[in-house]
Amino acid sequence: MSWLYLAALLFSLMGMVLLDRRFGLFFWSDARRAAIVLPAGVLFFLLWDLAGIGLGIFFRGPSPLVTGILVAPEVPLEEIFFLTLLCYLTMNVFAGVTKLLMRGAHR
């Protein structure tokens, strides 16, 4: 059992938190809205994954980099953290681009 991939995901999530805090992007802009949007995005993609698994499209392949802990059939623990990172990154990028465009519009 390896924790390498999970550790990399957690490290990346910490990077998202630091960027968010530094530039006031997502949680540091509107914590209430972010606390709704982030879990909603993760849930959407988790349901997407489960549908793909049910249709036989997605499956968990063997890897020496993962813990081997499953939260559902064919859904490794790391998938939850990956989806969280994906959604957080998307919202940080969206907020950052929006801030840059708004700054440019005010010049």
C-alpha atoms as a PDB file:
ATOM      1  CA  MET A   1       0.000   0.000   0.000  1.00  0.00           C
ATOM      2  CA  SER A   2       1.377   3.387  -1.014  1.00  0.00           C
ATOM      3  CA  TRP A   3       0.242   6.816   0.059  1.00  0.00           C
ATOM      4  CA  LEU A   4       2.248   8.673  -2.601  1.00  0.00           C
ATOM      5  CA  TYR A   5      -0.647   9.692  -4.865  1.00  0.00           C
ATOM      6  CA  LEU A   6      -2.815  10.732  -1.905  1.00  0.00           C
ATOM      7  CA  ALA A   7       0.080  12.754  -0.484  1.00  0.00           C
ATOM      8  CA  ALA A   8       0.554  14.487  -3.852  1.00  0.00           C
ATOM      9  CA  LEU A   9      -3.158  15.319  -3.983  1.00  0.00           C
ATOM     10  CA  LEU A  10      -3.110  16.718  -0.444  1.00  0.00           C
ATOM     11  CA  PHE A  11       0.002  18.761  -1.248  1.00  0.00           C
ATOM     12  CA  SER A  12      -1.728  20.147  -4.351  1.00  0.00           C
ATOM     13  CA  LEU A  13      -4.868  20.952  -2.372  1.00  0.00           C
ATOM     14  CA  MET A  14      -2.749  22.883   0.113  1.00  0.00           C
ATOM     15  CA  GLY A  15      -1.366  24.844  -2.826  1.00  0.00           C
ATOM     16  CA  MET A  16      -4.922  25.699  -3.890  1.00  0.00           C
ATOM     17  CA  VAL A  17      -5.714  26.874  -0.351  1.00  0.00           C
ATOM     18  CA  LEU A  18      -2.593  29.064  -0.270  1.00  0.00           C
ATOM     19  CA  LEU A  19      -3.376  30.613  -3.658  1.00  0.00           C
ATOM     20  CA  ASP A  20      -6.987  31.140  -2.624  1.00  0.00           C
ATOM     21  CA  ARG A  21      -5.937  32.852   0.595  1.00  0.00           C
ATOM     22  CA  ARG A  22      -3.223  34.959  -1.028  1.00  0.00           C
ATOM     23  CA  PHE A  23      -5.445  36.310  -3.802  1.00  0.00           C
ATOM     24  CA  GLY A  24      -8.889  36.042  -2.149  1.00  0.00           C
ATOM     25  CA  LEU A  25     -10.268  33.845  -4.903  1.00  0.00           C
ATOM     26  CA  PHE A  26     -12.869  31.332  -3.732  1.00  0.00           C
ATOM     27  CA  PHE A  27     -13.266  30.551  -0.021  1.00  0.00           C
ATOM     28  CA  TRP A  28     -11.562  33.815   0.939  1.00  0.00           C
ATOM     29  CA  SER A  29     -13.930  35.726  -1.327  1.00  0.00           C
ATOM     30  CA  ASP A  30     -17.240  34.167  -0.254  1.00  0.00           C
ATOM     31  CA  ALA A  31     -16.882  31.214   2.136  1.00  0.00           C
ATOM     32  CA  ARG A  32     -20.619  30.484   2.296  1.00  0.00           C
ATOM     33  CA  ARG A  33     -20.978  30.219  -1.472  1.00  0.00           C
ATOM     34  CA  ALA A  34     -17.740  28.227  -1.785  1.00  0.00           C
ATOM     35  CA  ALA A  35     -18.921  25.786   0.904  1.00  0.00           C
ATOM     36  CA  ILE A  36     -21.940  25.044  -1.294  1.00  0.00           C
ATOM     37  CA  VAL A  37     -20.296  25.097  -4.735  1.00  0.00           C
ATOM     38  CA  LEU A  38     -17.286  22.898  -3.962  1.00  0.00           C
ATOM     39  CA  PRO A  39     -19.207  19.918  -2.504  1.00  0.00           C
ATOM     40  CA  ALA A  40     -21.825  20.269  -5.264  1.00  0.00           C
ATOM     41  CA  GLY A  41     -19.104  20.006  -7.904  1.00  0.00           C
ATOM     42  CA  VAL A  42     -17.474  17.032  -6.189  1.00  0.00           C
ATOM     43  CA  LEU A  43     -20.860  15.303  -5.869  1.00  0.00           C
ATOM     44  CA  PHE A  44     -21.628  15.929  -9.556  1.00  0.00           C
ATOM     45  CA  PHE A  45     -18.359  14.370 -10.687  1.00  0.00           C
ATOM     46  CA  LEU A  46     -18.659  11.511  -8.197  1.00  0.00           C
ATOM     47  CA  LEU A  47     -22.108  10.692  -9.608  1.00  0.00           C
ATOM     48  CA  TRP A  48     -20.584  10.954 -13.095  1.00  0.00           C
ATOM     49  CA  ASP A  49     -17.908   8.446 -12.052  1.00  0.00           C
ATOM     50  CA  LEU A  50     -20.470   6.087 -10.549  1.00  0.00           C
ATOM     51  CA  ALA A  51     -22.543   6.230 -13.744  1.00  0.00           C
ATOM     52  CA  GLY A  52     -19.434   5.466 -15.797  1.00  0.00           C
ATOM     53  CA  ILE A  53     -18.562   2.576 -13.497  1.00  0.00           C
ATOM     54  CA  GLY A  54     -22.119   1.242 -13.722  1.00  0.00           C
ATOM     55  CA  LEU A  55     -21.935   1.355 -17.524  1.00  0.00           C
ATOM     56  CA  GLY A  56     -18.572  -0.409 -17.511  1.00  0.00           C
ATOM     57  CA  ILE A  57     -16.754   2.634 -18.933  1.00  0.00           C
ATOM     58  CA  PHE A  58     -14.640   3.488 -15.865  1.00  0.00           C
ATOM     59  CA  PHE A  59     -12.707   1.043 -13.737  1.00  0.00           C
ATOM     60  CA  ARG A  60      -9.909   1.103 -11.216  1.00  0.00           C
ATOM     61  CA  GLY A  61      -6.668  -0.172 -12.624  1.00  0.00           C
ATOM     62  CA  PRO A  62      -3.840  -1.549 -10.515  1.00  0.00           C
ATOM     63  CA  SER A  63      -1.252   0.982  -9.377  1.00  0.00           C
ATOM     64  CA  PRO A  64       1.557   0.835  -6.853  1.00  0.00           C
ATOM     65  CA  LEU A  65       0.985   4.536  -6.041  1.00  0.00           C
ATOM     66  CA  VAL A  66      -2.438   4.292  -4.379  1.00  0.00           C
ATOM     67  CA  THR A  67      -3.602   3.195  -0.938  1.00  0.00           C
ATOM     68  CA  GLY A  68      -5.955   0.505  -2.220  1.00  0.00           C
ATOM     69  CA  ILE A  69      -8.722   1.848   0.021  1.00  0.00           C
ATOM     70  CA  LEU A  70     -12.070   1.893  -1.781  1.00  0.00           C
ATOM     71  CA  VAL A  71     -14.960   4.174  -0.793  1.00  0.00           C
ATOM     72  CA  ALA A  72     -17.296   2.412  -3.255  1.00  0.00           C
ATOM     73  CA  PRO A  73     -16.835  -0.348  -5.810  1.00  0.00           C
ATOM     74  CA  GLU A  74     -14.119   0.804  -8.251  1.00  0.00           C
ATOM     75  CA  VAL A  75     -13.846   4.197  -6.463  1.00  0.00           C
ATOM     76  CA  PRO A  76     -10.524   4.613  -4.653  1.00  0.00           C
ATOM     77  CA  LEU A  77     -10.146   7.013  -1.739  1.00  0.00           C
ATOM     78  CA  GLU A  78      -7.874   9.152  -3.884  1.00  0.00           C
ATOM     79  CA  GLU A  79     -10.716   9.854  -6.328  1.00  0.00           C
ATOM     80  CA  ILE A  80     -12.538  11.991  -3.753  1.00  0.00           C
ATOM     81  CA  PHE A  81      -9.432  14.115  -3.215  1.00  0.00           C
ATOM     82  CA  PHE A  82      -8.768  14.316  -6.960  1.00  0.00           C
ATOM     83  CA  LEU A  83     -12.305  15.543  -7.630  1.00  0.00           C
ATOM     84  CA  THR A  84     -11.965  18.066  -4.806  1.00  0.00           C
ATOM     85  CA  LEU A  85      -8.698  19.321  -6.307  1.00  0.00           C
ATOM     86  CA  LEU A  86     -10.264  19.499  -9.773  1.00  0.00           C
ATOM     87  CA  CYS A  87     -13.230  21.545  -8.547  1.00  0.00           C
ATOM     88  CA  TYR A  88     -11.140  23.801  -6.302  1.00  0.00           C
ATOM     89  CA  LEU A  89      -8.653  24.460  -9.108  1.00  0.00           C
ATOM     90  CA  THR A  90     -11.486  25.266 -11.505  1.00  0.00           C
ATOM     91  CA  MET A  91     -13.060  27.735  -9.097  1.00  0.00           C
ATOM     92  CA  ASN A  92      -9.731  29.387  -8.302  1.00  0.00           C
ATOM     93  CA  VAL A  93      -8.961  29.781 -12.010  1.00  0.00           C
ATOM     94  CA  PHE A  94     -12.463  31.106 -12.711  1.00  0.00           C
ATOM     95  CA  ALA A  95     -12.238  33.612  -9.844  1.00  0.00           C
ATOM     96  CA  GLY A  96      -8.718  34.655 -10.834  1.00  0.00           C
ATOM     97  CA  VAL A  97      -9.618  35.222 -14.481  1.00  0.00           C
ATOM     98  CA  THR A  98     -12.746  37.118 -13.433  1.00  0.00           C
ATOM     99  CA  LYS A  99     -10.661  39.387 -11.166  1.00  0.00           C
ATOM    100  CA  LEU A 100      -8.161  40.033 -13.950  1.00  0.00           C
ATOM    101  CA  LEU A 101     -10.895  40.850 -16.451  1.00  0.00           C
ATOM    102  CA  MET A 102     -12.626  43.155 -13.969  1.00  0.00           C
ATOM    103  CA  ARG A 103      -9.337  44.915 -13.266  1.00  0.00           C
ATOM    104  CA  GLY A 104      -8.793  45.376 -16.991  1.00  0.00           C
ATOM    105  CA  ALA A 105     -12.328  46.734 -17.451  1.00  0.00           C
ATOM    106  CA  HIS A 106     -11.706  49.418 -14.820  1.00  0.00           C
ATOM    107  CA  ARG A 107      -8.613  50.831 -16.535  1.00  0.00           C
END
